[in-house]
Amino acid sequence: MNSQMKGLQKVAENLCRKVERGIWAVSGSLKFEELPYQEHKINLNDRVFITERSVNGKKELFELHYDTKLQKLLDIFLVS
């Protein structure tokens, strides 16, 4: 379990670095899709994105919350 948490923390840190460089300037294999639904937002300035990655053929889906006022990544959730 502890190694799983370390792995998720590493993924979160990696995604944070990429998102903080600029949500639209991300290079590589990550593609972001914005969710337009209000119920997914943490606050009024929140923009919610989903992205996925594949590890050893297994897809992982992430939900990212980006605050447009602070220009900062608020949170990352592992969806599946």
PDB file of N, CA and C in Angstrom:
ATOM      1  N   MET A   1       0.823  -1.199   0.000  1.00  0.00           N
ATOM      2  CA  MET A   1       0.000   0.000   0.000  1.00  0.00           C
ATOM      3  C   MET A   1       0.866   1.261   0.000  1.00  0.00           C
ATOM      4  N   ASN A   2       1.931   1.265   0.789  1.00  0.00           N
ATOM      5  CA  ASN A   2       2.801   2.423   0.883  1.00  0.00           C
ATOM      6  C   ASN A   2       3.462   2.718  -0.459  1.00  0.00           C
ATOM      7  N   SER A   3       3.874   1.672  -1.185  1.00  0.00           N
ATOM      8  CA  SER A   3       4.494   1.885  -2.497  1.00  0.00           C
ATOM      9  C   SER A   3       3.480   2.442  -3.493  1.00  0.00           C
ATOM     10  N   GLN A   4       2.205   2.067  -3.351  1.00  0.00           N
ATOM     11  CA  GLN A   4       1.153   2.624  -4.204  1.00  0.00           C
ATOM     12  C   GLN A   4       1.012   4.119  -3.966  1.00  0.00           C
ATOM     13  N   MET A   5       1.028   4.534  -2.716  1.00  0.00           N
ATOM     14  CA  MET A   5       0.906   5.953  -2.382  1.00  0.00           C
ATOM     15  C   MET A   5       2.092   6.740  -2.920  1.00  0.00           C
ATOM     16  N   LYS A   6       3.299   6.171  -2.813  1.00  0.00           N
ATOM     17  CA  LYS A   6       4.485   6.836  -3.344  1.00  0.00           C
ATOM     18  C   LYS A   6       4.383   6.971  -4.852  1.00  0.00           C
ATOM     19  N   GLY A   7       3.864   5.930  -5.508  1.00  0.00           N
ATOM     20  CA  GLY A   7       3.679   5.977  -6.954  1.00  0.00           C
ATOM     21  C   GLY A   7       2.685   7.048  -7.363  1.00  0.00           C
ATOM     22  N   LEU A   8       1.565   7.138  -6.647  1.00  0.00           N
ATOM     23  CA  LEU A   8       0.560   8.159  -6.938  1.00  0.00           C
ATOM     24  C   LEU A   8       1.099   9.554  -6.663  1.00  0.00           C
ATOM     25  N   GLN A   9       1.897   9.691  -5.611  1.00  0.00           N
ATOM     26  CA  GLN A   9       2.487  10.988  -5.297  1.00  0.00           C
ATOM     27  C   GLN A   9       3.442  11.413  -6.410  1.00  0.00           C
ATOM     28  N   LYS A  10       4.207  10.466  -6.934  1.00  0.00           N
ATOM     29  CA  LYS A  10       5.137  10.762  -8.028  1.00  0.00           C
ATOM     30  C   LYS A  10       4.376  11.199  -9.278  1.00  0.00           C
ATOM     31  N   VAL A  11       3.284  10.511  -9.581  1.00  0.00           N
ATOM     32  CA  VAL A  11       2.448  10.877 -10.727  1.00  0.00           C
ATOM     33  C   VAL A  11       1.873  12.274 -10.525  1.00  0.00           C
ATOM     34  N   ALA A  12       1.359  12.551  -9.325  1.00  0.00           N
ATOM     35  CA  ALA A  12       0.774  13.864  -9.034  1.00  0.00           C
ATOM     36  C   ALA A  12       1.810  14.968  -9.180  1.00  0.00           C
ATOM     37  N   GLU A  13       3.011  14.742  -8.677  1.00  0.00           N
ATOM     38  CA  GLU A  13       4.071  15.746  -8.791  1.00  0.00           C
ATOM     39  C   GLU A  13       4.439  15.987 -10.249  1.00  0.00           C
ATOM     40  N   ASN A  14       4.496  14.916 -11.027  1.00  0.00           N
ATOM     41  CA  ASN A  14       4.813  15.032 -12.449  1.00  0.00           C
ATOM     42  C   ASN A  14       3.735  15.823 -13.181  1.00  0.00           C
ATOM     43  N   LEU A  15       2.472  15.518 -12.910  1.00  0.00           N
ATOM     44  CA  LEU A  15       1.371  16.243 -13.543  1.00  0.00           C
ATOM     45  C   LEU A  15       1.358  17.705 -13.108  1.00  0.00           C
ATOM     46  N   CYS A  16       1.634  17.960 -11.838  1.00  0.00           N
ATOM     47  CA  CYS A  16       1.672  19.347 -11.344  1.00  0.00           C
ATOM     48  C   CYS A  16       2.705  20.162 -12.100  1.00  0.00           C
ATOM     49  N   ARG A  17       3.889  19.601 -12.277  1.00  0.00           N
ATOM     50  CA  ARG A  17       4.942  20.328 -12.994  1.00  0.00           C
ATOM     51  C   ARG A  17       4.500  20.654 -14.410  1.00  0.00           C
ATOM     52  N   LYS A  18       3.885  19.690 -15.082  1.00  0.00           N
ATOM     53  CA  LYS A  18       3.453  19.913 -16.463  1.00  0.00           C
ATOM     54  C   LYS A  18       2.332  20.942 -16.541  1.00  0.00           C
ATOM     55  N   VAL A  19       1.381  20.853 -15.641  1.00  0.00           N
ATOM     56  CA  VAL A  19       0.253  21.782 -15.670  1.00  0.00           C
ATOM     57  C   VAL A  19       0.706  23.189 -15.316  1.00  0.00           C
ATOM     58  N   GLU A  20       1.577  23.315 -14.342  1.00  0.00           N
ATOM     59  CA  GLU A  20       2.023  24.640 -13.924  1.00  0.00           C
ATOM     60  C   GLU A  20       2.877  25.331 -14.982  1.00  0.00           C
ATOM     61  N   ARG A  21       3.444  24.594 -15.923  1.00  0.00           N
ATOM     62  CA  ARG A  21       4.159  25.215 -17.042  1.00  0.00           C
ATOM     63  C   ARG A  21       3.191  25.914 -17.981  1.00  0.00           C
ATOM     64  N   GLY A  22       1.969  25.575 -17.880  1.00  0.00           N
ATOM     65  CA  GLY A  22       0.937  26.176 -18.735  1.00  0.00           C
ATOM     66  C   GLY A  22      -0.005  25.099 -19.205  1.00  0.00           C
ATOM     67  N   ILE A  23      -1.271  25.260 -18.876  1.00  0.00           N
ATOM     68  CA  ILE A  23      -2.242  24.209 -19.167  1.00  0.00           C
ATOM     69  C   ILE A  23      -2.330  23.922 -20.662  1.00  0.00           C
ATOM     70  N   TRP A  24      -2.069  24.918 -21.495  1.00  0.00           N
ATOM     71  CA  TRP A  24      -2.168  24.722 -22.942  1.00  0.00           C
ATOM     72  C   TRP A  24      -0.831  24.376 -23.570  1.00  0.00           C
ATOM     73  N   ALA A  25       0.262  24.513 -22.842  1.00  0.00           N
ATOM     74  CA  ALA A  25       1.590  24.297 -23.407  1.00  0.00           C
ATOM     75  C   ALA A  25       2.175  22.941 -23.035  1.00  0.00           C
ATOM     76  N   VAL A  26       1.356  22.031 -22.593  1.00  0.00           N
ATOM     77  CA  VAL A  26       1.856  20.724 -22.192  1.00  0.00           C
ATOM     78  C   VAL A  26       2.280  19.944 -23.423  1.00  0.00           C
ATOM     79  N   SER A  27       3.497  19.459 -23.377  1.00  0.00           N
ATOM     80  CA  SER A  27       3.978  18.634 -24.483  1.00  0.00           C
ATOM     81  C   SER A  27       3.972  17.183 -24.042  1.00  0.00           C
ATOM     82  N   GLY A  28       4.199  16.307 -24.980  1.00  0.00           N
ATOM     83  CA  GLY A  28       4.232  14.893 -24.655  1.00  0.00           C
ATOM     84  C   GLY A  28       2.908  14.224 -24.947  1.00  0.00           C
ATOM     85  N   SER A  29       2.664  13.136 -24.248  1.00  0.00           N
ATOM     86  CA  SER A  29       1.514  12.299 -24.565  1.00  0.00           C
ATOM     87  C   SER A  29       0.240  12.688 -23.828  1.00  0.00           C
ATOM     88  N   LEU A  30       0.305  13.608 -22.876  1.00  0.00           N
ATOM     89  CA  LEU A  30      -0.899  13.979 -22.132  1.00  0.00           C
ATOM     90  C   LEU A  30      -1.773  14.929 -22.941  1.00  0.00           C
ATOM     91  N   LYS A  31      -3.028  14.577 -23.069  1.00  0.00           N
ATOM     92  CA  LYS A  31      -4.014  15.422 -23.744  1.00  0.00           C
ATOM     93  C   LYS A  31      -5.105  15.731 -22.726  1.00  0.00           C
ATOM     94  N   PHE A  32      -5.473  16.986 -22.646  1.00  0.00           N
ATOM     95  CA  PHE A  32      -6.460  17.422 -21.667  1.00  0.00           C
ATOM     96  C   PHE A  32      -7.791  17.713 -22.339  1.00  0.00           C
ATOM     97  N   GLU A  33      -8.866  17.338 -21.660  1.00  0.00           N
ATOM     98  CA  GLU A  33     -10.220  17.662 -22.115  1.00  0.00           C
ATOM     99  C   GLU A  33     -10.912  18.373 -20.958  1.00  0.00           C
ATOM    100  N   GLU A  34     -11.450  19.554 -21.235  1.00  0.00           N
ATOM    101  CA  GLU A  34     -12.105  20.316 -20.171  1.00  0.00           C
ATOM    102  C   GLU A  34     -13.522  19.809 -19.947  1.00  0.00           C
ATOM    103  N   LEU A  35     -13.890  19.663 -18.680  1.00  0.00           N
ATOM    104  CA  LEU A  35     -15.251  19.285 -18.310  1.00  0.00           C
ATOM    105  C   LEU A  35     -16.045  20.561 -18.054  1.00  0.00           C
ATOM    106  N   PRO A  36     -17.130  20.781 -18.781  1.00  0.00           N
ATOM    107  CA  PRO A  36     -17.879  22.033 -18.657  1.00  0.00           C
ATOM    108  C   PRO A  36     -18.890  22.055 -17.508  1.00  0.00           C
ATOM    109  N   TYR A  37     -19.001  20.974 -16.774  1.00  0.00           N
ATOM    110  CA  TYR A  37     -20.062  20.855 -15.776  1.00  0.00           C
ATOM    111  C   TYR A  37     -19.711  21.578 -14.481  1.00  0.00           C
ATOM    112  N   GLN A  38     -20.646  22.366 -13.961  1.00  0.00           N
ATOM    113  CA  GLN A  38     -20.447  23.142 -12.741  1.00  0.00           C
ATOM    114  C   GLN A  38     -20.263  22.259 -11.506  1.00  0.00           C
ATOM    115  N   GLU A  39     -20.902  21.096 -11.466  1.00  0.00           N
ATOM    116  CA  GLU A  39     -20.846  20.253 -10.266  1.00  0.00           C
ATOM    117  C   GLU A  39     -19.457  19.660 -10.014  1.00  0.00           C
ATOM    118  N   HIS A  40     -18.583  19.697 -11.017  1.00  0.00           N
ATOM    119  CA  HIS A  40     -17.223  19.186 -10.835  1.00  0.00           C
ATOM    120  C   HIS A  40     -16.286  20.233 -10.247  1.00  0.00           C
ATOM    121  N   LYS A  41     -16.691  21.501 -10.261  1.00  0.00           N
ATOM    122  CA  LYS A  41     -15.807  22.585  -9.844  1.00  0.00           C
ATOM    123  C   LYS A  41     -15.676  22.670  -8.325  1.00  0.00           C
ATOM    124  N   ILE A  42     -14.465  23.011  -7.872  1.00  0.00           N
ATOM    125  CA  ILE A  42     -14.198  23.221  -6.453  1.00  0.00           C
ATOM    126  C   ILE A  42     -14.612  24.633  -6.051  1.00  0.00           C
ATOM    127  N   ASN A  43     -14.362  25.616  -6.931  1.00  0.00           N
ATOM    128  CA  ASN A  43     -14.757  27.004  -6.679  1.00  0.00           C
ATOM    129  C   ASN A  43     -15.106  27.680  -8.008  1.00  0.00           C
ATOM    130  N   LEU A  44     -15.472  28.951  -7.981  1.00  0.00           N
ATOM    131  CA  LEU A  44     -15.908  29.656  -9.190  1.00  0.00           C
ATOM    132  C   LEU A  44     -14.801  29.831 -10.221  1.00  0.00           C
ATOM    133  N   ASN A  45     -13.546  29.906  -9.773  1.00  0.00           N
ATOM    134  CA  ASN A  45     -12.419  30.111 -10.678  1.00  0.00           C
ATOM    135  C   ASN A  45     -11.844  28.803 -11.206  1.00  0.00           C
ATOM    136  N   ASP A  46     -12.430  27.699 -10.815  1.00  0.00           N
ATOM    137  CA  ASP A  46     -11.913  26.376 -11.140  1.00  0.00           C
ATOM    138  C   ASP A  46     -12.221  25.984 -12.584  1.00  0.00           C
ATOM    139  N   ARG A  47     -11.222  25.450 -13.263  1.00  0.00           N
ATOM    140  CA  ARG A  47     -11.424  24.792 -14.551  1.00  0.00           C
ATOM    141  C   ARG A  47     -11.044  23.339 -14.336  1.00  0.00           C
ATOM    142  N   VAL A  48     -11.905  22.429 -14.773  1.00  0.00           N
ATOM    143  CA  VAL A  48     -11.704  21.008 -14.523  1.00  0.00           C
ATOM    144  C   VAL A  48     -11.336  20.323 -15.833  1.00  0.00           C
ATOM    145  N   PHE A  49     -10.267  19.541 -15.776  1.00  0.00           N
ATOM    146  CA  PHE A  49      -9.786  18.818 -16.943  1.00  0.00           C
ATOM    147  C   PHE A  49      -9.661  17.344 -16.602  1.00  0.00           C
ATOM    148  N   ILE A  50      -9.805  16.509 -17.622  1.00  0.00           N
ATOM    149  CA  ILE A  50      -9.506  15.094 -17.459  1.00  0.00           C
ATOM    150  C   ILE A  50      -8.369  14.760 -18.414  1.00  0.00           C
ATOM    151  N   THR A  51      -7.567  13.818 -18.010  1.00  0.00           N
ATOM    152  CA  THR A  51      -6.476  13.328 -18.841  1.00  0.00           C
ATOM    153  C   THR A  51      -6.255  11.868 -18.489  1.00  0.00           C
ATOM    154  N   GLU A  52      -5.585  11.160 -19.352  1.00  0.00           N
ATOM    155  CA  GLU A  52      -5.303   9.759 -19.070  1.00  0.00           C
ATOM    156  C   GLU A  52      -3.884   9.438 -19.491  1.00  0.00           C
ATOM    157  N   ARG A  53      -3.387   8.360 -18.936  1.00  0.00           N
ATOM    158  CA  ARG A  53      -2.091   7.841 -19.340  1.00  0.00           C
ATOM    159  C   ARG A  53      -2.178   6.328 -19.308  1.00  0.00           C
ATOM    160  N   SER A  54      -1.284   5.681 -20.032  1.00  0.00           N
ATOM    161  CA  SER A  54      -1.223   4.227 -20.050  1.00  0.00           C
ATOM    162  C   SER A  54       0.092   3.776 -19.442  1.00  0.00           C
ATOM    163  N   VAL A  55      -0.003   2.817 -18.539  1.00  0.00           N
ATOM    164  CA  VAL A  55       1.176   2.218 -17.930  1.00  0.00           C
ATOM    165  C   VAL A  55       1.046   0.716 -18.083  1.00  0.00           C
ATOM    166  N   ASN A  56       1.973   0.127 -18.827  1.00  0.00           N
ATOM    167  CA  ASN A  56       1.942  -1.318 -19.089  1.00  0.00           C
ATOM    168  C   ASN A  56       0.591  -1.762 -19.637  1.00  0.00           C
ATOM    169  N   GLY A  57       0.019  -0.963 -20.525  1.00  0.00           N
ATOM    170  CA  GLY A  57      -1.249  -1.297 -21.155  1.00  0.00           C
ATOM    171  C   GLY A  57      -2.478  -0.995 -20.314  1.00  0.00           C
ATOM    172  N   LYS A  58      -2.294  -0.533 -19.092  1.00  0.00           N
ATOM    173  CA  LYS A  58      -3.425  -0.209 -18.215  1.00  0.00           C
ATOM    174  C   LYS A  58      -3.635   1.301 -18.230  1.00  0.00           C
ATOM    175  N   LYS A  59      -4.863   1.734 -18.539  1.00  0.00           N
ATOM    176  CA  LYS A  59      -5.166   3.165 -18.590  1.00  0.00           C
ATOM    177  C   LYS A  59      -5.556   3.685 -17.212  1.00  0.00           C
ATOM    178  N   GLU A  60      -5.035   4.869 -16.901  1.00  0.00           N
ATOM    179  CA  GLU A  60      -5.390   5.562 -15.664  1.00  0.00           C
ATOM    180  C   GLU A  60      -5.976   6.909 -16.046  1.00  0.00           C
ATOM    181  N   LEU A  61      -7.107   7.259 -15.455  1.00  0.00           N
ATOM    182  CA  LEU A  61      -7.811   8.506 -15.748  1.00  0.00           C
ATOM    183  C   LEU A  61      -7.664   9.449 -14.556  1.00  0.00           C
ATOM    184  N   PHE A  62      -7.289  10.716 -14.836  1.00  0.00           N
ATOM    185  CA  PHE A  62      -7.079  11.712 -13.796  1.00  0.00           C
ATOM    186  C   PHE A  62      -7.981  12.914 -14.025  1.00  0.00           C
ATOM    187  N   GLU A  63      -8.445  13.506 -12.935  1.00  0.00           N
ATOM    188  CA  GLU A  63      -9.215  14.747 -12.972  1.00  0.00           C
ATOM    189  C   GLU A  63      -8.354  15.829 -12.326  1.00  0.00           C
ATOM    190  N   LEU A  64      -8.127  16.928 -13.054  1.00  0.00           N
ATOM    191  CA  LEU A  64      -7.284  18.018 -12.571  1.00  0.00           C
ATOM    192  C   LEU A  64      -8.124  19.263 -12.365  1.00  0.00           C
ATOM    193  N   HIS A  65      -7.863  19.978 -11.286  1.00  0.00           N
ATOM    194  CA  HIS A  65      -8.570  21.223 -10.977  1.00  0.00           C
ATOM    195  C   HIS A  65      -7.555  22.360 -10.996  1.00  0.00           C
ATOM    196  N   TYR A  66      -7.786  23.328 -11.879  1.00  0.00           N
ATOM    197  CA  TYR A  66      -6.871  24.450 -12.087  1.00  0.00           C
ATOM    198  C   TYR A  66      -7.588  25.754 -11.765  1.00  0.00           C
ATOM    199  N   ASP A  67      -7.026  26.550 -10.850  1.00  0.00           N
ATOM    200  CA  ASP A  67      -7.609  27.835 -10.462  1.00  0.00           C
ATOM    201  C   ASP A  67      -7.090  28.913 -11.408  1.00  0.00           C
ATOM    202  N   THR A  68      -7.987  29.526 -12.176  1.00  0.00           N
ATOM    203  CA  THR A  68      -7.587  30.524 -13.169  1.00  0.00           C
ATOM    204  C   THR A  68      -7.176  31.845 -12.526  1.00  0.00           C
ATOM    205  N   LYS A  69      -7.704  32.153 -11.355  1.00  0.00           N
ATOM    206  CA  LYS A  69      -7.340  33.399 -10.674  1.00  0.00           C
ATOM    207  C   LYS A  69      -5.938  33.296 -10.068  1.00  0.00           C
ATOM    208  N   LEU A  70      -5.675  32.194  -9.386  1.00  0.00           N
ATOM    209  CA  LEU A  70      -4.364  31.973  -8.768  1.00  0.00           C
ATOM    210  C   LEU A  70      -3.339  31.448  -9.772  1.00  0.00           C
ATOM    211  N   GLN A  71      -3.831  30.965 -10.911  1.00  0.00           N
ATOM    212  CA  GLN A  71      -3.009  30.309 -11.933  1.00  0.00           C
ATOM    213  C   GLN A  71      -2.180  29.193 -11.303  1.00  0.00           C
ATOM    214  N   LYS A  72      -2.906  28.304 -10.630  1.00  0.00           N
ATOM    215  CA  LYS A  72      -2.268  27.245  -9.864  1.00  0.00           C
ATOM    216  C   LYS A  72      -3.121  25.984  -9.915  1.00  0.00           C
ATOM    217  N   LEU A  73      -2.472  24.849  -9.950  1.00  0.00           N
ATOM    218  CA  LEU A  73      -3.162  23.579  -9.882  1.00  0.00           C
ATOM    219  C   LEU A  73      -3.642  23.362  -8.454  1.00  0.00           C
ATOM    220  N   LEU A  74      -4.950  23.142  -8.283  1.00  0.00           N
ATOM    221  CA  LEU A  74      -5.522  22.964  -6.948  1.00  0.00           C
ATOM    222  C   LEU A  74      -5.431  21.527  -6.470  1.00  0.00           C
ATOM    223  N   ASP A  75      -5.800  20.586  -7.347  1.00  0.00           N
ATOM    224  CA  ASP A  75      -5.851  19.194  -6.921  1.00  0.00           C
ATOM    225  C   ASP A  75      -5.866  18.263  -8.120  1.00  0.00           C
ATOM    226  N   ILE A  76      -5.435  17.032  -7.883  1.00  0.00           N
ATOM    227  CA  ILE A  76      -5.473  15.971  -8.887  1.00  0.00           C
ATOM    228  C   ILE A  76      -6.136  14.768  -8.236  1.00  0.00           C
ATOM    229  N   PHE A  77      -7.114  14.196  -8.933  1.00  0.00           N
ATOM    230  CA  PHE A  77      -7.799  13.012  -8.432  1.00  0.00           C
ATOM    231  C   PHE A  77      -7.607  11.867  -9.413  1.00  0.00           C
ATOM    232  N   LEU A  78      -7.269  10.689  -8.898  1.00  0.00           N
ATOM    233  CA  LEU A  78      -7.215   9.483  -9.710  1.00  0.00           C
ATOM    234  C   LEU A  78      -8.643   8.968  -9.821  1.00  0.00           C
ATOM    235  N   VAL A  79      -9.187   8.965 -11.037  1.00  0.00           N
ATOM    236  CA  VAL A  79     -10.576   8.549 -11.245  1.00  0.00           C
ATOM    237  C   VAL A  79     -10.650   7.041 -11.418  1.00  0.00           C
ATOM    238  N   SER A  80      -9.795   6.488 -12.258  1.00  0.00           N
ATOM    239  CA  SER A  80      -9.755   5.027 -12.440  1.00  0.00           C
ATOM    240  C   SER A  80      -8.426   4.588 -12.971  1.00  0.00           C
TER     241      SER A  80
END
